[in-house]
PDB file of all heavy atoms in Angstrom:
ATOM      1  N   GLY A   1    -173.241 -71.812 -41.875  1.00  0.00           N
ATOM      2  CA  GLY A   1    -173.247 -70.895 -43.024  1.00  0.00           C
ATOM      3  C   GLY A   1    -172.040 -70.018 -43.129  1.00  0.00           C
ATOM      4  O   GLY A   1    -171.703 -69.515 -44.163  1.00  0.00           O
ATOM      5  N   VAL A   2    -171.422 -69.816 -41.925  1.00  0.00           N
ATOM      6  CA  VAL A   2    -170.178 -69.030 -41.863  1.00  0.00           C
ATOM      7  C   VAL A   2    -169.088 -70.103 -42.277  1.00  0.00           C
ATOM      8  O   VAL A   2    -168.803 -70.984 -41.557  1.00  0.00           O
ATOM      9  CB  VAL A   2    -169.977 -68.536 -40.390  1.00  0.00           C
ATOM     10  CG1 VAL A   2    -168.604 -67.796 -40.324  1.00  0.00           C
ATOM     11  CG2 VAL A   2    -171.086 -67.656 -39.962  1.00  0.00           C
ATOM     12  N   LYS A   3    -168.422 -69.789 -43.362  1.00  0.00           N
ATOM     13  CA  LYS A   3    -167.365 -70.666 -43.876  1.00  0.00           C
ATOM     14  C   LYS A   3    -166.027 -70.176 -43.470  1.00  0.00           C
ATOM     15  O   LYS A   3    -165.772 -68.979 -43.236  1.00  0.00           O
ATOM     16  CB  LYS A   3    -167.442 -70.760 -45.425  1.00  0.00           C
ATOM     17  CG  LYS A   3    -168.779 -71.123 -45.947  1.00  0.00           C
ATOM     18  CD  LYS A   3    -169.200 -72.504 -45.464  1.00  0.00           C
ATOM     19  CE  LYS A   3    -170.517 -72.824 -46.112  1.00  0.00           C
ATOM     20  NZ  LYS A   3    -171.198 -73.862 -45.333  1.00  0.00           N
ATOM     21  N   LEU A   4    -165.127 -71.159 -43.160  1.00  0.00           N
ATOM     22  CA  LEU A   4    -163.784 -70.791 -42.836  1.00  0.00           C
ATOM     23  C   LEU A   4    -162.965 -71.131 -44.099  1.00  0.00           C
ATOM     24  O   LEU A   4    -162.637 -72.238 -44.379  1.00  0.00           O
ATOM     25  CB  LEU A   4    -163.277 -71.613 -41.627  1.00  0.00           C
ATOM     26  CG  LEU A   4    -163.939 -71.257 -40.299  1.00  0.00           C
ATOM     27  CD1 LEU A   4    -163.499 -72.178 -39.167  1.00  0.00           C
ATOM     28  CD2 LEU A   4    -163.728 -69.792 -39.979  1.00  0.00           C
ATOM     29  N   GLY A   5    -162.458 -70.063 -44.751  1.00  0.00           N
ATOM     30  CA  GLY A   5    -161.746 -70.199 -45.974  1.00  0.00           C
ATOM     31  C   GLY A   5    -160.272 -69.992 -45.681  1.00  0.00           C
ATOM     32  O   GLY A   5    -159.538 -70.957 -45.375  1.00  0.00           O
ATOM     33  N   CYS A   6    -159.783 -68.839 -45.796  1.00  0.00           N
ATOM     34  CA  CYS A   6    -158.391 -68.525 -45.671  1.00  0.00           C
ATOM     35  C   CYS A   6    -157.897 -68.295 -44.313  1.00  0.00           C
ATOM     36  O   CYS A   6    -156.696 -68.412 -44.005  1.00  0.00           O
ATOM     37  CB  CYS A   6    -158.022 -67.301 -46.603  1.00  0.00           C
ATOM     38  SG  CYS A   6    -158.755 -65.780 -45.991  1.00  0.00           S
ATOM     39  N   GLY A   7    -158.711 -67.759 -43.362  1.00  0.00           N
ATOM     40  CA  GLY A   7    -158.335 -67.421 -42.079  1.00  0.00           C
ATOM     41  C   GLY A   7    -157.532 -66.151 -41.975  1.00  0.00           C
ATOM     42  O   GLY A   7    -156.954 -65.865 -40.982  1.00  0.00           O
ATOM     43  N   GLU A   8    -157.461 -65.443 -43.130  1.00  0.00           N
ATOM     44  CA  GLU A   8    -156.609 -64.256 -43.185  1.00  0.00           C
ATOM     45  C   GLU A   8    -157.419 -63.029 -43.669  1.00  0.00           C
ATOM     46  O   GLU A   8    -156.786 -61.991 -43.994  1.00  0.00           O
ATOM     47  CB  GLU A   8    -155.419 -64.462 -44.072  1.00  0.00           C
ATOM     48  CG  GLU A   8    -154.465 -65.594 -43.546  1.00  0.00           C
ATOM     49  CD  GLU A   8    -153.355 -65.840 -44.459  1.00  0.00           C
ATOM     50  OE1 GLU A   8    -153.354 -65.317 -45.635  1.00  0.00           O
ATOM     51  OE2 GLU A   8    -152.558 -66.680 -44.115  1.00  0.00           O
ATOM     52  N   GLY A   9    -158.731 -63.095 -43.823  1.00  0.00           N
ATOM     53  CA  GLY A   9    -159.533 -62.020 -44.270  1.00  0.00           C
ATOM     54  C   GLY A   9    -159.371 -61.724 -45.733  1.00  0.00           C
ATOM     55  O   GLY A   9    -159.722 -60.620 -46.262  1.00  0.00           O
ATOM     56  N   GLU A  10    -158.894 -62.637 -46.525  1.00  0.00           N
ATOM     57  CA  GLU A  10    -158.675 -62.434 -47.960  1.00  0.00           C
ATOM     58  C   GLU A  10    -159.827 -62.921 -48.827  1.00  0.00           C
ATOM     59  O   GLU A  10    -160.002 -62.459 -49.942  1.00  0.00           O
ATOM     60  CB  GLU A  10    -157.335 -63.123 -48.397  1.00  0.00           C
ATOM     61  CG  GLU A  10    -156.168 -62.527 -47.741  1.00  0.00           C
ATOM     62  CD  GLU A  10    -155.793 -61.192 -48.206  1.00  0.00           C
ATOM     63  OE1 GLU A  10    -156.075 -60.820 -49.352  1.00  0.00           O
ATOM     64  OE2 GLU A  10    -155.281 -60.399 -47.377  1.00  0.00           O
ATOM     65  N   CYS A  11    -160.581 -63.867 -48.437  1.00  0.00           N
ATOM     66  CA  CYS A  11    -161.521 -64.614 -49.267  1.00  0.00           C
ATOM     67  C   CYS A  11    -162.984 -64.118 -49.102  1.00  0.00           C
ATOM     68  O   CYS A  11    -163.814 -64.269 -50.033  1.00  0.00           O
ATOM     69  CB  CYS A  11    -161.412 -66.112 -49.205  1.00  0.00           C
ATOM     70  SG  CYS A  11    -162.043 -66.833 -47.648  1.00  0.00           S
ATOM     71  N   GLY A  12    -163.295 -63.686 -47.955  1.00  0.00           N
ATOM     72  CA  GLY A  12    -164.741 -63.315 -47.670  1.00  0.00           C
ATOM     73  C   GLY A  12    -165.706 -64.393 -47.382  1.00  0.00           C
ATOM     74  O   GLY A  12    -166.851 -64.069 -47.147  1.00  0.00           O
ATOM     75  N   ALA A  13    -165.281 -65.619 -47.309  1.00  0.00           N
ATOM     76  CA  ALA A  13    -166.156 -66.760 -47.081  1.00  0.00           C
ATOM     77  C   ALA A  13    -166.753 -66.687 -45.668  1.00  0.00           C
ATOM     78  O   ALA A  13    -167.863 -67.245 -45.424  1.00  0.00           O
ATOM     79  CB  ALA A  13    -165.451 -68.088 -47.296  1.00  0.00           C
ATOM     80  N   CYS A  14    -166.103 -66.031 -44.695  1.00  0.00           N
ATOM     81  CA  CYS A  14    -166.591 -65.970 -43.363  1.00  0.00           C
ATOM     82  C   CYS A  14    -167.413 -64.666 -43.124  1.00  0.00           C
ATOM     83  O   CYS A  14    -167.712 -64.385 -41.918  1.00  0.00           O
ATOM     84  CB  CYS A  14    -165.411 -66.022 -42.415  1.00  0.00           C
ATOM     85  SG  CYS A  14    -164.304 -64.539 -42.575  1.00  0.00           S
ATOM     86  N   THR A  15    -167.718 -63.946 -44.145  1.00  0.00           N
ATOM     87  CA  THR A  15    -168.423 -62.656 -43.957  1.00  0.00           C
ATOM     88  C   THR A  15    -169.731 -62.800 -43.220  1.00  0.00           C
ATOM     89  O   THR A  15    -170.567 -63.677 -43.505  1.00  0.00           O
ATOM     90  CB  THR A  15    -168.625 -61.938 -45.333  1.00  0.00           C
ATOM     91  OG1 THR A  15    -167.432 -61.742 -45.966  1.00  0.00           O
ATOM     92  CG2 THR A  15    -169.386 -60.680 -45.134  1.00  0.00           C
ATOM     93  N   VAL A  16    -169.929 -61.983 -42.221  1.00  0.00           N
ATOM     94  CA  VAL A  16    -171.194 -61.867 -41.477  1.00  0.00           C
ATOM     95  C   VAL A  16    -171.488 -60.327 -41.394  1.00  0.00           C
ATOM     96  O   VAL A  16    -170.617 -59.544 -41.648  1.00  0.00           O
ATOM     97  CB  VAL A  16    -171.095 -62.457 -40.099  1.00  0.00           C
ATOM     98  CG1 VAL A  16    -170.830 -63.969 -40.144  1.00  0.00           C
ATOM     99  CG2 VAL A  16    -170.199 -61.729 -39.160  1.00  0.00           C
ATOM    100  N   LEU A  17    -172.653 -59.973 -41.029  1.00  0.00           N
ATOM    101  CA  LEU A  17    -173.013 -58.599 -40.725  1.00  0.00           C
ATOM    102  C   LEU A  17    -172.924 -58.372 -39.203  1.00  0.00           C
ATOM    103  O   LEU A  17    -173.505 -59.033 -38.448  1.00  0.00           O
ATOM    104  CB  LEU A  17    -174.458 -58.218 -41.256  1.00  0.00           C
ATOM    105  CG  LEU A  17    -174.668 -58.520 -42.718  1.00  0.00           C
ATOM    106  CD1 LEU A  17    -176.127 -58.122 -43.098  1.00  0.00           C
ATOM    107  CD2 LEU A  17    -173.706 -57.649 -43.562  1.00  0.00           C
ATOM    108  N   LEU A  18    -172.080 -57.389 -38.917  1.00  0.00           N
ATOM    109  CA  LEU A  18    -171.891 -56.926 -37.496  1.00  0.00           C
ATOM    110  C   LEU A  18    -172.491 -55.612 -37.385  1.00  0.00           C
ATOM    111  O   LEU A  18    -171.962 -54.635 -37.985  1.00  0.00           O
ATOM    112  CB  LEU A  18    -170.404 -57.027 -37.159  1.00  0.00           C
ATOM    113  CG  LEU A  18    -170.045 -56.691 -35.693  1.00  0.00           C
ATOM    114  CD1 LEU A  18    -170.639 -57.713 -34.752  1.00  0.00           C
ATOM    115  CD2 LEU A  18    -168.531 -56.630 -35.559  1.00  0.00           C
ATOM    116  N   ASN A  19    -173.658 -55.573 -36.710  1.00  0.00           N
ATOM    117  CA  ASN A  19    -174.411 -54.254 -36.609  1.00  0.00           C
ATOM    118  C   ASN A  19    -174.615 -53.681 -38.033  1.00  0.00           C
ATOM    119  O   ASN A  19    -174.582 -52.545 -38.271  1.00  0.00           O
ATOM    120  CB  ASN A  19    -173.710 -53.251 -35.751  1.00  0.00           C
ATOM    121  CG  ASN A  19    -173.753 -53.632 -34.325  1.00  0.00           C
ATOM    122  OD1 ASN A  19    -174.537 -54.404 -33.824  1.00  0.00           O
ATOM    123  ND2 ASN A  19    -172.799 -53.144 -33.548  1.00  0.00           N
ATOM    124  N   GLY A  20    -174.972 -54.627 -38.961  1.00  0.00           N
ATOM    125  CA  GLY A  20    -175.321 -54.252 -40.319  1.00  0.00           C
ATOM    126  C   GLY A  20    -174.178 -54.062 -41.311  1.00  0.00           C
ATOM    127  O   GLY A  20    -174.464 -53.874 -42.485  1.00  0.00           O
ATOM    128  N   LEU A  21    -172.972 -54.128 -40.834  1.00  0.00           N
ATOM    129  CA  LEU A  21    -171.805 -53.950 -41.708  1.00  0.00           C
ATOM    130  C   LEU A  21    -171.079 -55.301 -41.958  1.00  0.00           C
ATOM    131  O   LEU A  21    -170.899 -56.071 -41.026  1.00  0.00           O
ATOM    132  CB  LEU A  21    -170.831 -52.955 -41.127  1.00  0.00           C
ATOM    133  CG  LEU A  21    -171.407 -51.558 -40.784  1.00  0.00           C
ATOM    134  CD1 LEU A  21    -170.330 -50.699 -40.104  1.00  0.00           C
ATOM    135  CD2 LEU A  21    -171.766 -50.917 -42.137  1.00  0.00           C
ATOM    136  N   PRO A  22    -170.705 -55.472 -43.156  1.00  0.00           N
ATOM    137  CA  PRO A  22    -170.012 -56.800 -43.469  1.00  0.00           C
ATOM    138  C   PRO A  22    -168.571 -56.800 -42.863  1.00  0.00           C
ATOM    139  O   PRO A  22    -167.854 -55.790 -42.967  1.00  0.00           O
ATOM    140  CB  PRO A  22    -169.905 -56.867 -44.998  1.00  0.00           C
ATOM    141  CG  PRO A  22    -170.010 -55.430 -45.461  1.00  0.00           C
ATOM    142  CD  PRO A  22    -170.861 -54.669 -44.401  1.00  0.00           C
ATOM    143  N   VAL A  23    -168.276 -57.909 -42.200  1.00  0.00           N
ATOM    144  CA  VAL A  23    -166.940 -58.087 -41.606  1.00  0.00           C
ATOM    145  C   VAL A  23    -166.453 -59.505 -41.895  1.00  0.00           C
ATOM    146  O   VAL A  23    -167.262 -60.395 -41.990  1.00  0.00           O
ATOM    147  CB  VAL A  23    -166.879 -57.802 -40.062  1.00  0.00           C
ATOM    148  CG1 VAL A  23    -167.258 -56.364 -39.706  1.00  0.00           C
ATOM    149  CG2 VAL A  23    -167.719 -58.804 -39.339  1.00  0.00           C
ATOM    150  N   ASN A  24    -165.129 -59.654 -41.953  1.00  0.00           N
ATOM    151  CA  ASN A  24    -164.605 -60.998 -42.068  1.00  0.00           C
ATOM    152  C   ASN A  24    -164.467 -61.571 -40.620  1.00  0.00           C
ATOM    153  O   ASN A  24    -163.640 -61.090 -39.859  1.00  0.00           O
ATOM    154  CB  ASN A  24    -163.185 -60.946 -42.645  1.00  0.00           C
ATOM    155  CG  ASN A  24    -163.225 -60.550 -44.105  1.00  0.00           C
ATOM    156  OD1 ASN A  24    -164.155 -60.932 -44.832  1.00  0.00           O
ATOM    157  ND2 ASN A  24    -162.289 -59.723 -44.524  1.00  0.00           N
ATOM    158  N   SER A  25    -165.368 -62.411 -40.258  1.00  0.00           N
ATOM    159  CA  SER A  25    -165.448 -62.889 -38.937  1.00  0.00           C
ATOM    160  C   SER A  25    -164.214 -63.713 -38.497  1.00  0.00           C
ATOM    161  O   SER A  25    -164.024 -63.891 -37.376  1.00  0.00           O
ATOM    162  CB  SER A  25    -166.737 -63.792 -38.733  1.00  0.00           C
ATOM    163  OG  SER A  25    -166.751 -64.891 -39.490  1.00  0.00           O
ATOM    164  N   CYS A  26    -163.411 -64.143 -39.394  1.00  0.00           N
ATOM    165  CA  CYS A  26    -162.114 -64.816 -39.015  1.00  0.00           C
ATOM    166  C   CYS A  26    -161.144 -63.824 -38.417  1.00  0.00           C
ATOM    167  O   CYS A  26    -160.152 -64.226 -37.780  1.00  0.00           O
ATOM    168  CB  CYS A  26    -161.501 -65.514 -40.262  1.00  0.00           C
ATOM    169  SG  CYS A  26    -160.838 -64.478 -41.542  1.00  0.00           S
ATOM    170  N   LEU A  27    -161.345 -62.530 -38.699  1.00  0.00           N
ATOM    171  CA  LEU A  27    -160.396 -61.459 -38.253  1.00  0.00           C
ATOM    172  C   LEU A  27    -160.931 -60.712 -36.952  1.00  0.00           C
ATOM    173  O   LEU A  27    -160.135 -59.953 -36.385  1.00  0.00           O
ATOM    174  CB  LEU A  27    -160.126 -60.470 -39.357  1.00  0.00           C
ATOM    175  CG  LEU A  27    -159.465 -60.944 -40.552  1.00  0.00           C
ATOM    176  CD1 LEU A  27    -159.251 -59.815 -41.541  1.00  0.00           C
ATOM    177  CD2 LEU A  27    -158.148 -61.638 -40.238  1.00  0.00           C
ATOM    178  N   VAL A  28    -162.132 -60.997 -36.587  1.00  0.00           N
ATOM    179  CA  VAL A  28    -162.755 -60.325 -35.457  1.00  0.00           C
ATOM    180  C   VAL A  28    -162.766 -61.260 -34.269  1.00  0.00           C
ATOM    181  O   VAL A  28    -163.212 -62.352 -34.264  1.00  0.00           O
ATOM    182  CB  VAL A  28    -164.198 -59.925 -35.738  1.00  0.00           C
ATOM    183  CG1 VAL A  28    -164.899 -59.302 -34.621  1.00  0.00           C
ATOM    184  CG2 VAL A  28    -164.266 -58.973 -37.010  1.00  0.00           C
ATOM    185  N   PHE A  29    -162.144 -60.765 -33.151  1.00  0.00           N
ATOM    186  CA  PHE A  29    -162.258 -61.518 -31.912  1.00  0.00           C
ATOM    187  C   PHE A  29    -163.687 -61.492 -31.433  1.00  0.00           C
ATOM    188  O   PHE A  29    -164.392 -60.442 -31.526  1.00  0.00           O
ATOM    189  CB  PHE A  29    -161.328 -60.954 -30.822  1.00  0.00           C
ATOM    190  CG  PHE A  29    -159.834 -61.306 -31.071  1.00  0.00           C
ATOM    191  CD1 PHE A  29    -158.984 -60.270 -31.201  1.00  0.00           C
ATOM    192  CD2 PHE A  29    -159.402 -62.547 -31.225  1.00  0.00           C
ATOM    193  CE1 PHE A  29    -157.640 -60.518 -31.408  1.00  0.00           C
ATOM    194  CE2 PHE A  29    -158.126 -62.846 -31.417  1.00  0.00           C
ATOM    195  CZ  PHE A  29    -157.183 -61.821 -31.491  1.00  0.00           C
ATOM    196  N   ALA A  30    -164.197 -62.621 -31.014  1.00  0.00           N
ATOM    197  CA  ALA A  30    -165.588 -62.637 -30.510  1.00  0.00           C
ATOM    198  C   ALA A  30    -165.864 -61.578 -29.507  1.00  0.00           C
ATOM    199  O   ALA A  30    -166.982 -60.968 -29.535  1.00  0.00           O
ATOM    200  CB  ALA A  30    -165.946 -64.017 -29.985  1.00  0.00           C
ATOM    201  N   LEU A  31    -164.940 -61.322 -28.624  1.00  0.00           N
ATOM    202  CA  LEU A  31    -165.180 -60.307 -27.593  1.00  0.00           C
ATOM    203  C   LEU A  31    -165.363 -58.910 -28.156  1.00  0.00           C
ATOM    204  O   LEU A  31    -165.990 -58.039 -27.464  1.00  0.00           O
ATOM    205  CB  LEU A  31    -164.045 -60.342 -26.547  1.00  0.00           C
ATOM    206  CG  LEU A  31    -164.069 -61.538 -25.599  1.00  0.00           C
ATOM    207  CD1 LEU A  31    -162.828 -61.497 -24.692  1.00  0.00           C
ATOM    208  CD2 LEU A  31    -165.300 -61.639 -24.777  1.00  0.00           C
ATOM    209  N   GLU A  32    -164.881 -58.677 -29.312  1.00  0.00           N
ATOM    210  CA  GLU A  32    -165.107 -57.332 -29.950  1.00  0.00           C
ATOM    211  C   GLU A  32    -166.595 -57.122 -30.398  1.00  0.00           C
ATOM    212  O   GLU A  32    -167.044 -56.066 -30.618  1.00  0.00           O
ATOM    213  CB  GLU A  32    -164.244 -57.260 -31.286  1.00  0.00           C
ATOM    214  CG  GLU A  32    -162.750 -57.167 -30.979  1.00  0.00           C
ATOM    215  CD  GLU A  32    -161.947 -57.070 -32.272  1.00  0.00           C
ATOM    216  OE1 GLU A  32    -161.914 -55.916 -32.762  1.00  0.00           O
ATOM    217  OE2 GLU A  32    -161.481 -58.126 -32.713  1.00  0.00           O
TER     218      GLU A  32
END
């Protein structure tokens, strides 16, 4: 369900909630 669109945080297709806040998961390192 997590889509990979632009890979640059511009499209929002990869948005997930991280501790309840929306983030572009393509811009977040998993270790973060």
